Protein backbone atom coordinates (compact mmCIF):
# COMPACT_ATOMS: atom_id res chain seq x y z
CA MET A 1 -21.02 -20.34 -226.29
CA SER A 2 -23.94 -17.90 -226.08
CA VAL A 3 -23.11 -15.22 -223.53
CA ALA A 4 -24.43 -11.67 -223.46
CA PRO A 5 -21.71 -9.16 -224.47
CA LYS A 6 -21.38 -7.57 -221.01
CA GLU A 7 -21.35 -10.95 -219.29
CA LEU A 8 -18.77 -12.16 -221.81
CA GLU A 9 -16.59 -9.13 -221.13
CA ASN A 10 -16.73 -9.71 -217.37
CA GLU A 11 -16.03 -13.42 -217.71
CA ILE A 12 -13.08 -12.83 -220.04
CA ALA A 13 -11.62 -10.29 -217.62
CA GLU A 14 -12.01 -12.75 -214.73
CA GLN A 15 -10.59 -15.76 -216.57
CA SER A 16 -7.67 -13.79 -218.00
CA ARG A 17 -6.76 -12.80 -214.45
CA SER A 18 -6.96 -16.45 -213.37
CA LEU A 19 -4.06 -17.22 -215.72
CA GLN A 20 -1.89 -15.16 -213.38
CA ARG A 21 -1.82 -18.24 -211.14
CA ILE A 22 0.11 -20.10 -213.84
CA ARG A 23 2.44 -17.13 -214.34
CA ASP A 24 3.10 -17.02 -210.60
CA GLU A 25 4.03 -20.71 -210.51
CA ILE A 26 6.30 -20.37 -213.53
CA GLY A 27 7.85 -17.31 -211.88
CA LYS A 28 9.07 -19.52 -209.03
CA VAL A 29 11.55 -21.06 -211.48
CA ILE A 30 11.87 -18.72 -214.45
CA VAL A 31 13.16 -15.17 -214.05
CA GLY A 32 12.13 -12.72 -216.75
CA GLN A 33 11.42 -14.14 -220.23
CA THR A 34 7.87 -12.78 -219.97
CA ALA A 35 7.41 -12.73 -223.75
CA MET A 36 8.24 -16.44 -224.03
CA ILE A 37 5.93 -17.32 -221.14
CA ASP A 38 3.09 -15.26 -222.61
CA ARG A 39 3.56 -17.01 -225.97
CA LEU A 40 3.43 -20.42 -224.29
CA LEU A 41 0.18 -19.49 -222.54
CA LEU A 42 -1.19 -18.10 -225.80
CA ALA A 43 -0.39 -21.35 -227.61
CA LEU A 44 -1.99 -23.39 -224.83
CA ILE A 45 -5.24 -21.44 -225.14
CA ALA A 46 -5.16 -21.19 -228.96
CA ASP A 47 -4.41 -24.93 -229.26
CA GLY A 48 -1.31 -24.33 -231.38
CA HIS A 49 2.19 -25.80 -231.39
CA VAL A 50 5.25 -23.69 -230.55
CA LEU A 51 8.85 -23.76 -231.73
CA ILE A 52 11.23 -21.93 -229.38
CA GLU A 53 14.63 -20.96 -230.73
CA GLY A 54 17.51 -19.65 -228.66
CA VAL A 55 21.07 -20.32 -227.64
CA PRO A 56 21.69 -22.85 -224.82
CA GLY A 57 21.04 -21.81 -221.25
CA LEU A 58 18.08 -19.45 -221.77
CA ALA A 59 15.58 -21.64 -219.85
CA LYS A 60 13.66 -22.83 -222.92
CA THR A 61 13.31 -26.39 -221.65
CA SER A 62 12.80 -25.28 -218.04
CA ALA A 63 9.97 -22.92 -219.01
CA ILE A 64 8.09 -25.68 -220.84
CA LYS A 65 8.60 -28.20 -218.01
CA THR A 66 7.43 -25.63 -215.46
CA LEU A 67 4.33 -24.79 -217.53
CA ALA A 68 3.46 -28.49 -217.61
CA ALA A 69 3.95 -28.76 -213.85
CA ALA A 70 1.58 -25.82 -213.26
CA ILE A 71 -1.27 -27.65 -215.02
CA GLU A 72 -2.88 -30.94 -214.00
CA THR A 73 -2.00 -32.68 -217.23
CA ASP A 74 0.16 -35.41 -218.75
CA PHE A 75 3.63 -34.42 -219.86
CA ALA A 76 6.35 -36.19 -221.82
CA ARG A 77 9.82 -35.12 -222.87
CA ILE A 78 11.74 -36.51 -225.83
CA GLN A 79 15.40 -35.67 -226.30
CA PHE A 80 15.83 -35.68 -230.08
CA THR A 81 19.10 -37.31 -231.18
CA PRO A 82 20.45 -38.48 -234.56
CA ASP A 83 19.75 -42.15 -233.72
CA LEU A 84 16.13 -41.58 -232.68
CA LEU A 85 13.59 -43.68 -234.64
CA PRO A 86 9.94 -42.87 -235.47
CA ALA A 87 8.88 -45.84 -233.31
CA ASP A 88 10.61 -44.19 -230.32
CA LEU A 89 8.22 -41.30 -230.81
CA ILE A 90 4.83 -42.69 -231.85
CA GLY A 91 5.11 -46.28 -230.61
CA THR A 92 5.32 -49.72 -232.19
CA GLN A 93 3.78 -53.19 -232.38
CA ILE A 94 5.05 -55.88 -230.02
CA TYR A 95 4.42 -59.56 -230.66
CA ARG A 96 2.90 -61.46 -227.73
CA PRO A 97 3.79 -65.16 -228.23
CA ASP A 98 1.52 -66.28 -225.37
CA VAL A 99 -1.60 -65.12 -227.24
CA LYS A 100 0.00 -65.10 -230.72
CA THR A 101 -1.07 -61.54 -231.47
CA PHE A 102 0.54 -58.14 -231.83
CA GLU A 103 0.06 -55.56 -229.11
CA ILE A 104 0.43 -51.84 -229.72
CA LYS A 105 2.79 -50.08 -227.35
CA GLU A 106 2.04 -46.35 -227.45
CA GLY A 107 4.95 -43.93 -227.61
CA PRO A 108 5.49 -40.73 -225.63
CA VAL A 109 3.51 -38.74 -228.22
CA PHE A 110 0.35 -39.95 -226.46
CA THR A 111 0.34 -37.15 -223.91
CA ASN A 112 -1.06 -33.65 -223.45
CA LEU A 113 2.13 -31.59 -223.54
CA LEU A 114 5.01 -33.00 -225.54
CA LEU A 115 8.41 -31.37 -225.13
CA ALA A 116 10.44 -32.06 -228.28
CA ASP A 117 13.84 -30.99 -226.99
CA GLU A 118 16.36 -29.97 -229.67
CA ILE A 119 14.00 -31.13 -232.40
CA ASN A 120 16.47 -30.31 -235.17
CA ARG A 121 18.93 -32.97 -233.97
CA SER A 122 16.92 -35.83 -235.51
CA PRO A 123 16.68 -36.68 -239.22
CA ALA A 124 13.68 -35.88 -241.40
CA LYS A 125 12.01 -39.31 -241.01
CA VAL A 126 11.66 -38.71 -237.25
CA GLN A 127 10.53 -35.12 -237.65
CA SER A 128 7.99 -36.23 -240.26
CA ALA A 129 6.56 -38.76 -237.80
CA LEU A 130 5.15 -35.76 -235.94
CA LEU A 131 3.28 -34.34 -238.95
CA GLU A 132 0.08 -36.36 -238.57
CA ALA A 133 0.10 -35.88 -234.80
CA MET A 134 0.54 -32.11 -235.04
CA GLN A 135 -2.01 -31.50 -237.77
CA GLU A 136 -4.73 -34.08 -237.12
CA ARG A 137 -4.18 -34.88 -233.44
CA GLN A 138 -4.00 -38.58 -234.25
CA VAL A 139 -1.42 -41.29 -234.91
CA THR A 140 -1.62 -44.30 -237.23
CA LEU A 141 -0.06 -47.42 -235.70
CA GLY A 142 -0.26 -50.87 -237.30
CA GLY A 143 -3.01 -49.74 -239.66
CA GLU A 144 -5.08 -48.42 -236.73
CA THR A 145 -5.73 -44.71 -236.19
CA ARG A 146 -5.61 -43.62 -232.59
CA PRO A 147 -6.68 -40.16 -231.38
CA LEU A 148 -4.33 -38.17 -229.18
CA PRO A 149 -5.45 -36.70 -225.84
CA ASP A 150 -7.10 -33.29 -225.68
CA PRO A 151 -5.34 -30.94 -225.29
CA PHE A 152 -2.29 -32.00 -227.31
CA LEU A 153 0.54 -29.54 -227.87
CA VAL A 154 4.04 -29.96 -229.26
CA LEU A 155 6.41 -27.52 -227.59
CA ALA A 156 9.72 -27.82 -229.40
CA THR A 157 13.12 -26.22 -228.83
CA GLN A 158 16.09 -25.78 -231.14
CA ASN A 159 19.52 -24.22 -231.00
CA PRO A 160 20.25 -21.75 -233.84
CA ILE A 161 24.04 -21.57 -233.52
CA GLU A 162 25.16 -25.19 -233.95
CA GLN A 163 25.06 -26.65 -237.46
CA GLU A 164 27.00 -29.90 -236.98
CA GLY A 165 24.72 -32.84 -236.29
CA THR A 166 21.52 -30.89 -236.96
CA TYR A 167 18.82 -31.31 -239.59
CA PRO A 168 16.80 -28.23 -240.63
CA LEU A 169 13.07 -28.74 -240.14
CA PRO A 170 11.14 -29.33 -243.38
CA GLU A 171 8.96 -26.39 -244.43
CA ALA A 172 5.87 -28.63 -244.18
CA GLN A 173 6.56 -29.21 -240.50
CA LEU A 174 7.54 -25.62 -239.77
CA ASP A 175 4.19 -24.52 -241.16
CA ARG A 176 2.40 -26.64 -238.57
CA PHE A 177 3.85 -24.64 -235.71
CA MET A 178 1.53 -21.78 -234.84
CA LEU A 179 4.37 -19.72 -233.36
CA LYS A 180 8.12 -19.57 -233.68
CA VAL A 181 9.43 -17.70 -230.65
CA THR A 182 12.98 -16.38 -230.49
CA VAL A 183 14.48 -16.04 -227.02
CA GLY A 184 17.18 -13.52 -226.12
CA TYR A 185 19.53 -13.05 -223.19
CA PRO A 186 18.18 -11.75 -219.85
CA SER A 187 19.03 -8.30 -218.56
CA LYS A 188 21.81 -7.85 -216.01
CA THR A 189 19.27 -7.42 -213.20
CA GLU A 190 17.42 -10.57 -214.25
CA GLU A 191 20.63 -12.56 -214.54
CA LEU A 192 21.65 -11.47 -211.04
CA GLU A 193 18.36 -12.87 -209.72
CA ILE A 194 18.84 -16.07 -211.75
CA MET A 195 22.32 -16.50 -210.29
CA ARG A 196 21.14 -15.95 -206.71
CA ARG A 197 18.13 -18.24 -207.11
CA MET A 198 19.78 -21.12 -208.95
CA ALA A 199 23.21 -21.20 -207.29
CA ARG A 200 21.86 -23.32 -204.44
CA ARG A 201 20.62 -26.86 -204.00
CA GLN A 202 17.06 -26.08 -202.97
CA THR A 203 14.69 -26.43 -205.93
CA PRO A 204 11.46 -24.40 -206.04
CA VAL A 205 8.31 -26.54 -205.87
CA VAL A 206 5.78 -25.83 -208.62
CA GLU A 207 2.15 -26.70 -207.89
CA ALA A 208 -0.58 -27.55 -210.39
CA VAL A 209 -3.05 -24.65 -210.24
CA MET A 210 -5.24 -25.29 -213.29
CA THR A 211 -6.92 -28.33 -214.83
CA THR A 212 -7.38 -29.30 -218.47
CA ALA A 213 -11.14 -28.77 -218.02
CA GLU A 214 -10.45 -25.14 -217.06
CA ILE A 215 -8.17 -24.79 -220.10
CA ARG A 216 -10.98 -26.02 -222.37
CA GLN A 217 -13.38 -23.53 -220.78
CA ILE A 218 -10.91 -20.69 -221.37
CA ARG A 219 -10.54 -21.79 -224.99
CA GLU A 220 -14.30 -21.44 -225.51
CA LEU A 221 -14.16 -17.92 -224.10
CA ALA A 222 -11.23 -17.01 -226.35
CA ASP A 223 -13.17 -18.29 -229.37
CA ALA A 224 -15.99 -15.91 -228.46
CA VAL A 225 -13.73 -12.83 -228.65
CA TYR A 226 -15.10 -10.48 -231.33
CA MET A 227 -13.09 -9.69 -234.44
CA ASP A 228 -14.34 -6.92 -236.70
CA ALA A 229 -14.35 -7.40 -240.48
CA LYS A 230 -11.82 -4.56 -240.80
CA VAL A 231 -9.38 -6.44 -238.60
CA GLU A 232 -9.96 -9.59 -240.65
CA ASP A 233 -9.15 -7.61 -243.82
CA TYR A 234 -6.02 -6.27 -242.10
CA ILE A 235 -4.84 -9.81 -241.35
CA LEU A 236 -5.38 -10.82 -244.99
CA ASP A 237 -3.57 -7.70 -246.23
CA VAL A 238 -0.55 -8.53 -244.08
CA VAL A 239 -0.44 -12.14 -245.26
CA PHE A 240 -0.99 -11.23 -248.92
CA ALA A 241 1.75 -8.60 -248.66
CA THR A 242 4.20 -11.46 -248.04
CA ARG A 243 3.13 -13.00 -251.36
CA GLU A 244 2.47 -9.92 -253.50
CA PRO A 245 4.54 -7.10 -251.97
CA ALA A 246 4.20 -4.82 -255.01
CA ALA A 247 0.42 -4.66 -254.51
CA PHE A 248 1.01 -3.05 -251.09
CA ARG A 249 3.63 -0.42 -252.03
CA LEU A 250 6.42 -2.82 -251.08
CA GLU A 251 8.13 -3.21 -254.44
CA LYS A 252 11.54 -3.30 -252.76
CA LEU A 253 10.60 -6.58 -251.06
CA ALA A 254 9.65 -8.37 -254.30
CA ASN A 255 13.15 -9.80 -254.82
CA LEU A 256 13.80 -10.34 -251.12
CA ILE A 257 10.96 -12.79 -250.38
CA GLU A 258 11.34 -16.25 -251.92
CA TYR A 259 8.03 -17.63 -250.64
CA GLY A 260 5.25 -15.87 -248.76
CA ALA A 261 3.09 -17.15 -245.92
CA SER A 262 0.58 -19.95 -246.46
CA PRO A 263 -3.17 -19.77 -245.65
CA ARG A 264 -2.32 -21.32 -242.28
CA ALA A 265 -0.76 -17.96 -241.45
CA SER A 266 -4.13 -16.22 -241.83
CA ILE A 267 -5.85 -18.83 -239.66
CA TYR A 268 -3.21 -18.80 -236.93
CA LEU A 269 -2.89 -15.01 -236.97
CA ALA A 270 -6.63 -14.64 -236.39
CA GLN A 271 -6.63 -17.26 -233.62
CA ALA A 272 -3.56 -15.79 -231.94
CA ALA A 273 -4.92 -12.24 -232.13
CA LYS A 274 -8.11 -13.35 -230.38
CA VAL A 275 -6.09 -14.92 -227.57
CA MET A 276 -3.91 -11.79 -227.33
CA ALA A 277 -7.09 -9.79 -226.76
CA PHE A 278 -8.27 -12.37 -224.21
CA LEU A 279 -4.98 -12.22 -222.30
CA SER A 280 -5.41 -8.44 -222.15
CA GLY A 281 -8.88 -8.93 -220.64
CA ARG A 282 -10.71 -7.62 -223.73
CA SER A 283 -13.66 -9.14 -225.58
CA TYR A 284 -12.62 -7.68 -228.94
CA VAL A 285 -9.49 -7.68 -231.12
CA LYS A 286 -7.48 -4.55 -231.83
CA PRO A 287 -5.13 -4.16 -234.83
CA GLN A 288 -2.33 -3.84 -232.28
CA ASP A 289 -2.98 -7.45 -231.22
CA VAL A 290 -2.24 -8.53 -234.78
CA LYS A 291 0.93 -6.42 -234.91
CA THR A 292 2.14 -7.75 -231.56
CA ILE A 293 1.79 -11.45 -232.33
CA GLY A 294 2.34 -11.18 -236.09
CA PRO A 295 6.14 -11.68 -236.14
CA ASP A 296 5.85 -14.91 -234.10
CA VAL A 297 3.25 -16.28 -236.53
CA LEU A 298 5.03 -15.22 -239.71
CA ARG A 299 8.80 -15.44 -239.15
CA HIS A 300 9.02 -19.17 -240.03
CA ARG A 301 6.59 -18.87 -242.94
CA VAL A 302 8.30 -16.07 -244.88
CA LEU A 303 11.34 -17.48 -246.64
CA VAL A 304 13.94 -14.92 -247.67
CA SER A 305 15.78 -15.03 -251.00
CA TYR A 306 19.53 -15.29 -251.58
CA GLU A 307 19.49 -11.59 -252.34
CA ALA A 308 18.07 -10.85 -248.88
CA GLU A 309 20.69 -13.08 -247.27
CA ALA A 310 23.39 -11.25 -249.20
CA GLN A 311 22.11 -8.02 -247.65
CA ASP A 312 22.07 -9.67 -244.20
CA LEU A 313 18.28 -9.31 -243.98
CA THR A 314 16.16 -11.77 -241.98
CA SER A 315 12.50 -12.63 -242.25
CA ASP A 316 11.93 -10.51 -239.14
CA ASP A 317 13.31 -7.48 -240.97
CA LEU A 318 10.96 -8.00 -243.92
CA ILE A 319 7.95 -8.69 -241.71
CA GLN A 320 8.57 -5.50 -239.76
CA GLU A 321 8.70 -3.55 -243.03
CA ILE A 322 5.34 -5.08 -244.00
CA PHE A 323 3.73 -4.09 -240.72
CA ASN A 324 5.17 -0.59 -241.07
CA THR A 325 3.68 -0.17 -244.54
CA VAL A 326 0.34 -2.00 -244.68
CA ASP A 327 -2.52 0.33 -243.79
CA VAL A 328 -3.92 -0.18 -240.30
CA PRO A 329 -7.73 0.09 -239.90
C-alpha cells in the first residue's frame, strides 16, 4: 500500500477509531476485561491465533462469541473433550454408494473464527490436527489439500486450575499461538454491573458492524505502520535475552530459563507491536508498544527450569526482569 505519510497517519487514526464500533458491541455483553478484548482485536488485525487462559466464569468464551457476532463472518465452536477425534475437527471422507465414490465432508475448521473451547481437554492427536491449519491455513483431507477461508483465526480457551482429564498443549502447538492472554477476576464495581446485567432473562443483541473486507483493509494499514531499525534491534535484544541472558547482564536468569523464545517470537512481536501502534492511532511503533504486548507474545515461549519452579517463579516473572534490564532505545 503506497500512501503518503500524512495521509497514512490520518487514515490510521480514522480506521483505529472505527474499531470502537466493535468494542461497543462487545461492551453490550462483556463488562470490563478491556485487556482481553484489545488482545482479541489485535490478533484479528495481526492475523494471529490466541490462547486465553483463566479460571471458569471469566467470560472467555462469551468474549470470543461476541467478537464473532460483531463481524460479518463465519464462526464455529468446538467443545474439546477427551473422546474428540481429528475427523470431528477437520472433516472426513464419506462413501457415496449411489455414485461409488468418496465425498469429502468438511469439518468445523473450515470457518473464519474457530473457537476451540477448553482446548487442553483433548489428547495430543486432536490438538496436532490443528497444526497444519494454524500454520499454513490449509487442511489435507483424503490426499487433497484444501485452503481455509481468509481470515482464519483459532481462538482457544483453557482452564489453568484443573489437571484431571486435561492434556498439556505440545510446545510445537503453543508456539503457533501469537498471544497467550491470561484473564483475571473483575473488580467489585465491574462484578456488580455483571450481576445486574446478567441476572435477568433478556439477552443483549449484538449486531455485525464490520465486514471481513474491512478487516483486510485494516490489516494492510497496520502492515504499513513504520518500525525504526532501533526498535527492531530492541525486539531482537529482548528475544535473544531469553536465550542468552548472560549477554544482557541477566546472569541470574541463566539457570532459571530452560528454553528461550523461538524466531516466531521475533516475528510475532514485530507484528503485534505494529498493531499496538495502529490501535493507538499512530503510524509508527514506540518501544513501549513492544513492552506492552511483549509478555503476551513471550509467556508461552519461555520455559522455566525446575530451579525457577522451586523458587515459585513463572515465565511472566522472568520476562518482566528481561524488560526491566534490556536497554530501551
